[in-house]
Amino acid sequence: MATIKDFDCIAFKRAAQETIYKQIQDMTPAEEIAWFKQKVESGPYGKLWKRISSIEKK
């Protein structure tokens, strides 16, 4: 019995990586770090990330 794929995880991952690559391809390493940091802080786990960062600084 064959199963029908509703979601292709590998294709989704590759598409996400391609999108990120296009956005950062001309950035310096420092600019890439700043870009990723901004994405993390503004993403769904941003509040948690800021809380962890503030604890680590203490």
PDB file of N, CA and C in Angstrom:
ATOM      1  N   MET A   1       0.846  -1.188   0.000  1.00  0.00           N
ATOM      2  CA  MET A   1       0.000   0.000   0.000  1.00  0.00           C
ATOM      3  C   MET A   1       0.889   1.249   0.000  1.00  0.00           C
ATOM      4  N   ALA A   2       0.694   2.099  -0.959  1.00  0.00           N
ATOM      5  CA  ALA A   2       1.483   3.320  -1.068  1.00  0.00           C
ATOM      6  C   ALA A   2       0.863   4.428  -0.229  1.00  0.00           C
ATOM      7  N   THR A   3       1.727   5.244   0.347  1.00  0.00           N
ATOM      8  CA  THR A   3       1.232   6.386   1.109  1.00  0.00           C
ATOM      9  C   THR A   3       1.328   7.642   0.260  1.00  0.00           C
ATOM     10  N   ILE A   4       0.461   8.556   0.518  1.00  0.00           N
ATOM     11  CA  ILE A   4       0.446   9.832  -0.199  1.00  0.00           C
ATOM     12  C   ILE A   4       1.098  10.880   0.694  1.00  0.00           C
ATOM     13  N   LYS A   5       2.105  11.551   0.151  1.00  0.00           N
ATOM     14  CA  LYS A   5       2.788  12.585   0.915  1.00  0.00           C
ATOM     15  C   LYS A   5       1.967  13.882   0.861  1.00  0.00           C
ATOM     16  N   ASP A   6       1.649  14.392   2.032  1.00  0.00           N
ATOM     17  CA  ASP A   6       0.980  15.681   2.108  1.00  0.00           C
ATOM     18  C   ASP A   6       1.989  16.814   2.252  1.00  0.00           C
ATOM     19  N   PHE A   7       3.150  16.470   2.804  1.00  0.00           N
ATOM     20  CA  PHE A   7       4.149  17.490   3.093  1.00  0.00           C
ATOM     21  C   PHE A   7       5.536  16.909   2.844  1.00  0.00           C
ATOM     22  N   ASP A   8       6.342  17.591   2.061  1.00  0.00           N
ATOM     23  CA  ASP A   8       7.702  17.154   1.777  1.00  0.00           C
ATOM     24  C   ASP A   8       8.660  18.008   2.603  1.00  0.00           C
ATOM     25  N   CYS A   9       9.120  17.448   3.701  1.00  0.00           N
ATOM     26  CA  CYS A   9       9.980  18.166   4.639  1.00  0.00           C
ATOM     27  C   CYS A   9      11.279  18.627   3.978  1.00  0.00           C
ATOM     28  N   ILE A  10      11.884  17.764   3.197  1.00  0.00           N
ATOM     29  CA  ILE A  10      13.157  18.106   2.556  1.00  0.00           C
ATOM     30  C   ILE A  10      12.982  19.255   1.564  1.00  0.00           C
ATOM     31  N   ALA A  11      11.934  19.219   0.771  1.00  0.00           N
ATOM     32  CA  ALA A  11      11.671  20.309  -0.179  1.00  0.00           C
ATOM     33  C   ALA A  11      11.405  21.617   0.565  1.00  0.00           C
ATOM     34  N   PHE A  12      10.691  21.543   1.678  1.00  0.00           N
ATOM     35  CA  PHE A  12      10.399  22.730   2.479  1.00  0.00           C
ATOM     36  C   PHE A  12      11.695  23.322   3.041  1.00  0.00           C
ATOM     37  N   LYS A  13      12.563  22.462   3.578  1.00  0.00           N
ATOM     38  CA  LYS A  13      13.837  22.896   4.143  1.00  0.00           C
ATOM     39  C   LYS A  13      14.712  23.533   3.071  1.00  0.00           C
ATOM     40  N   ARG A  14      14.787  22.900   1.921  1.00  0.00           N
ATOM     41  CA  ARG A  14      15.621  23.434   0.838  1.00  0.00           C
ATOM     42  C   ARG A  14      15.106  24.774   0.335  1.00  0.00           C
ATOM     43  N   ALA A  15      13.802  24.930   0.258  1.00  0.00           N
ATOM     44  CA  ALA A  15      13.222  26.209  -0.175  1.00  0.00           C
ATOM     45  C   ALA A  15      13.536  27.302   0.845  1.00  0.00           C
ATOM     46  N   ALA A  16      13.441  26.975   2.123  1.00  0.00           N
ATOM     47  CA  ALA A  16      13.751  27.952   3.173  1.00  0.00           C
ATOM     48  C   ALA A  16      15.226  28.346   3.115  1.00  0.00           C
ATOM     49  N   GLN A  17      16.099  27.368   2.919  1.00  0.00           N
ATOM     50  CA  GLN A  17      17.527  27.658   2.820  1.00  0.00           C
ATOM     51  C   GLN A  17      17.840  28.526   1.602  1.00  0.00           C
ATOM     52  N   GLU A  18      17.184  28.274   0.498  1.00  0.00           N
ATOM     53  CA  GLU A  18      17.391  29.061  -0.715  1.00  0.00           C
ATOM     54  C   GLU A  18      16.951  30.513  -0.499  1.00  0.00           C
ATOM     55  N   THR A  19      15.833  30.701   0.177  1.00  0.00           N
ATOM     56  CA  THR A  19      15.342  32.050   0.469  1.00  0.00           C
ATOM     57  C   THR A  19      16.340  32.808   1.340  1.00  0.00           C
ATOM     58  N   ILE A  20      16.825  32.143   2.377  1.00  0.00           N
ATOM     59  CA  ILE A  20      17.801  32.778   3.264  1.00  0.00           C
ATOM     60  C   ILE A  20      19.077  33.100   2.498  1.00  0.00           C
ATOM     61  N   TYR A  21      19.550  32.157   1.703  1.00  0.00           N
ATOM     62  CA  TYR A  21      20.772  32.376   0.930  1.00  0.00           C
ATOM     63  C   TYR A  21      20.652  33.616   0.037  1.00  0.00           C
ATOM     64  N   LYS A  22      19.526  33.755  -0.634  1.00  0.00           N
ATOM     65  CA  LYS A  22      19.324  34.904  -1.526  1.00  0.00           C
ATOM     66  C   LYS A  22      19.362  36.215  -0.746  1.00  0.00           C
ATOM     67  N   GLN A  23      18.888  36.192   0.504  1.00  0.00           N
ATOM     68  CA  GLN A  23      18.853  37.409   1.304  1.00  0.00           C
ATOM     69  C   GLN A  23      20.215  37.779   1.877  1.00  0.00           C
ATOM     70  N   ILE A  24      21.076  36.798   2.122  1.00  0.00           N
ATOM     71  CA  ILE A  24      22.346  37.085   2.782  1.00  0.00           C
ATOM     72  C   ILE A  24      23.571  36.931   1.873  1.00  0.00           C
ATOM     73  N   GLN A  25      23.390  36.565   0.633  1.00  0.00           N
ATOM     74  CA  GLN A  25      24.527  36.208  -0.218  1.00  0.00           C
ATOM     75  C   GLN A  25      25.564  37.309  -0.399  1.00  0.00           C
ATOM     76  N   ASP A  26      25.179  38.553  -0.349  1.00  0.00           N
ATOM     77  CA  ASP A  26      26.143  39.639  -0.546  1.00  0.00           C
ATOM     78  C   ASP A  26      26.568  40.307   0.763  1.00  0.00           C
ATOM     79  N   MET A  27      26.234  39.699   1.888  1.00  0.00           N
ATOM     80  CA  MET A  27      26.569  40.278   3.188  1.00  0.00           C
ATOM     81  C   MET A  27      27.938  39.823   3.672  1.00  0.00           C
ATOM     82  N   THR A  28      28.552  40.677   4.473  1.00  0.00           N
ATOM     83  CA  THR A  28      29.789  40.293   5.145  1.00  0.00           C
ATOM     84  C   THR A  28      29.413  39.359   6.298  1.00  0.00           C
ATOM     85  N   PRO A  29      30.384  38.636   6.847  1.00  0.00           N
ATOM     86  CA  PRO A  29      30.062  37.785   7.997  1.00  0.00           C
ATOM     87  C   PRO A  29      29.409  38.555   9.151  1.00  0.00           C
ATOM     88  N   ALA A  30      29.887  39.763   9.423  1.00  0.00           N
ATOM     89  CA  ALA A  30      29.306  40.567  10.505  1.00  0.00           C
ATOM     90  C   ALA A  30      27.854  40.942  10.185  1.00  0.00           C
ATOM     91  N   GLU A  31      27.583  41.264   8.923  1.00  0.00           N
ATOM     92  CA  GLU A  31      26.210  41.594   8.525  1.00  0.00           C
ATOM     93  C   GLU A  31      25.307  40.370   8.629  1.00  0.00           C
ATOM     94  N   GLU A  32      25.832  39.202   8.270  1.00  0.00           N
ATOM     95  CA  GLU A  32      25.049  37.969   8.405  1.00  0.00           C
ATOM     96  C   GLU A  32      24.675  37.713   9.854  1.00  0.00           C
ATOM     97  N   ILE A  33      25.629  37.866  10.752  1.00  0.00           N
ATOM     98  CA  ILE A  33      25.361  37.659  12.179  1.00  0.00           C
ATOM     99  C   ILE A  33      24.272  38.609  12.649  1.00  0.00           C
ATOM    100  N   ALA A  34      24.372  39.878  12.271  1.00  0.00           N
ATOM    101  CA  ALA A  34      23.361  40.860  12.666  1.00  0.00           C
ATOM    102  C   ALA A  34      21.999  40.507  12.076  1.00  0.00           C
ATOM    103  N   TRP A  35      21.985  40.032  10.829  1.00  0.00           N
ATOM    104  CA  TRP A  35      20.726  39.658  10.173  1.00  0.00           C
ATOM    105  C   TRP A  35      20.061  38.494  10.917  1.00  0.00           C
ATOM    106  N   PHE A  36      20.855  37.441  11.202  1.00  0.00           N
ATOM    107  CA  PHE A  36      20.299  36.286  11.912  1.00  0.00           C
ATOM    108  C   PHE A  36      19.827  36.680  13.313  1.00  0.00           C
ATOM    109  N   LYS A  37      20.593  37.520  13.992  1.00  0.00           N
ATOM    110  CA  LYS A  37      20.203  37.957  15.332  1.00  0.00           C
ATOM    111  C   LYS A  37      18.866  38.707  15.286  1.00  0.00           C
ATOM    112  N   GLN A  38      18.702  39.586  14.289  1.00  0.00           N
ATOM    113  CA  GLN A  38      17.453  40.336  14.158  1.00  0.00           C
ATOM    114  C   GLN A  38      16.291  39.388  13.882  1.00  0.00           C
ATOM    115  N   LYS A  39      16.523  38.374  13.045  1.00  0.00           N
ATOM    116  CA  LYS A  39      15.467  37.412  12.722  1.00  0.00           C
ATOM    117  C   LYS A  39      15.061  36.615  13.960  1.00  0.00           C
ATOM    118  N   VAL A  40      16.029  36.211  14.757  1.00  0.00           N
ATOM    119  CA  VAL A  40      15.727  35.459  15.979  1.00  0.00           C
ATOM    120  C   VAL A  40      14.930  36.333  16.949  1.00  0.00           C
ATOM    121  N   GLU A  41      15.390  37.572  17.137  1.00  0.00           N
ATOM    122  CA  GLU A  41      14.723  38.462  18.093  1.00  0.00           C
ATOM    123  C   GLU A  41      13.303  38.836  17.671  1.00  0.00           C
ATOM    124  N   SER A  42      13.042  38.888  16.368  1.00  0.00           N
ATOM    125  CA  SER A  42      11.714  39.278  15.911  1.00  0.00           C
ATOM    126  C   SER A  42      10.823  38.073  15.591  1.00  0.00           C
ATOM    127  N   GLY A  43      11.356  36.886  15.744  1.00  0.00           N
ATOM    128  CA  GLY A  43      10.604  35.670  15.439  1.00  0.00           C
ATOM    129  C   GLY A  43       9.711  35.225  16.592  1.00  0.00           C
ATOM    130  N   PRO A  44       9.098  34.066  16.456  1.00  0.00           N
ATOM    131  CA  PRO A  44       8.152  33.585  17.459  1.00  0.00           C
ATOM    132  C   PRO A  44       8.779  33.292  18.831  1.00  0.00           C
ATOM    133  N   TYR A  45      10.085  33.095  18.865  1.00  0.00           N
ATOM    134  CA  TYR A  45      10.742  32.827  20.142  1.00  0.00           C
ATOM    135  C   TYR A  45      11.569  34.018  20.619  1.00  0.00           C
ATOM    136  N   GLY A  46      11.301  35.185  20.066  1.00  0.00           N
ATOM    137  CA  GLY A  46      12.057  36.387  20.391  1.00  0.00           C
ATOM    138  C   GLY A  46      12.052  36.741  21.857  1.00  0.00           C
ATOM    139  N   LYS A  47      10.896  36.660  22.497  1.00  0.00           N
ATOM    140  CA  LYS A  47      10.815  37.004  23.919  1.00  0.00           C
ATOM    141  C   LYS A  47      11.657  36.043  24.756  1.00  0.00           C
ATOM    142  N   LEU A  48      11.585  34.771  24.429  1.00  0.00           N
ATOM    143  CA  LEU A  48      12.379  33.777  25.148  1.00  0.00           C
ATOM    144  C   LEU A  48      13.863  34.043  24.933  1.00  0.00           C
ATOM    145  N   TRP A  49      14.271  34.321  23.706  1.00  0.00           N
ATOM    146  CA  TRP A  49      15.670  34.600  23.386  1.00  0.00           C
ATOM    147  C   TRP A  49      16.177  35.798  24.183  1.00  0.00           C
ATOM    148  N   LYS A  50      15.375  36.864  24.263  1.00  0.00           N
ATOM    149  CA  LYS A  50      15.780  38.062  25.010  1.00  0.00           C
ATOM    150  C   LYS A  50      15.892  37.759  26.496  1.00  0.00           C
ATOM    151  N   ARG A  51      14.978  36.950  27.020  1.00  0.00           N
ATOM    152  CA  ARG A  51      15.025  36.581  28.427  1.00  0.00           C
ATOM    153  C   ARG A  51      16.288  35.769  28.729  1.00  0.00           C
ATOM    154  N   ILE A  52      16.600  34.821  27.879  1.00  0.00           N
ATOM    155  CA  ILE A  52      17.806  33.990  28.073  1.00  0.00           C
ATOM    156  C   ILE A  52      19.058  34.871  27.964  1.00  0.00           C
ATOM    157  N   SER A  53      19.075  35.763  26.997  1.00  0.00           N
ATOM    158  CA  SER A  53      20.235  36.639  26.810  1.00  0.00           C
ATOM    159  C   SER A  53      20.450  37.530  28.018  1.00  0.00           C
ATOM    160  N   SER A  54      19.358  38.029  28.596  1.00  0.00           N
ATOM    161  CA  SER A  54      19.511  38.909  29.755  1.00  0.00           C
ATOM    162  C   SER A  54      19.999  38.136  30.982  1.00  0.00           C
ATOM    163  N   ILE A  55      19.596  36.879  31.113  1.00  0.00           N
ATOM    164  CA  ILE A  55      20.061  36.044  32.226  1.00  0.00           C
ATOM    165  C   ILE A  55      21.554  35.756  32.081  1.00  0.00           C
ATOM    166  N   GLU A  56      21.990  35.462  30.859  1.00  0.00           N
ATOM    167  CA  GLU A  56      23.402  35.169  30.606  1.00  0.00           C
ATOM    168  C   GLU A  56      24.296  36.356  30.870  1.00  0.00           C
ATOM    169  N   LYS A  57      23.801  37.566  30.687  1.00  0.00           N
ATOM    170  CA  LYS A  57      24.602  38.775  30.892  1.00  0.00           C
ATOM    171  C   LYS A  57      24.807  39.071  32.371  1.00  0.00           C
ATOM    172  N   LYS A  58      23.958  38.532  33.228  1.00  0.00           N
ATOM    173  CA  LYS A  58      24.055  38.818  34.672  1.00  0.00           C
ATOM    174  C   LYS A  58      25.170  38.063  35.319  1.00  0.00           C
TER     175      LYS A  58
END
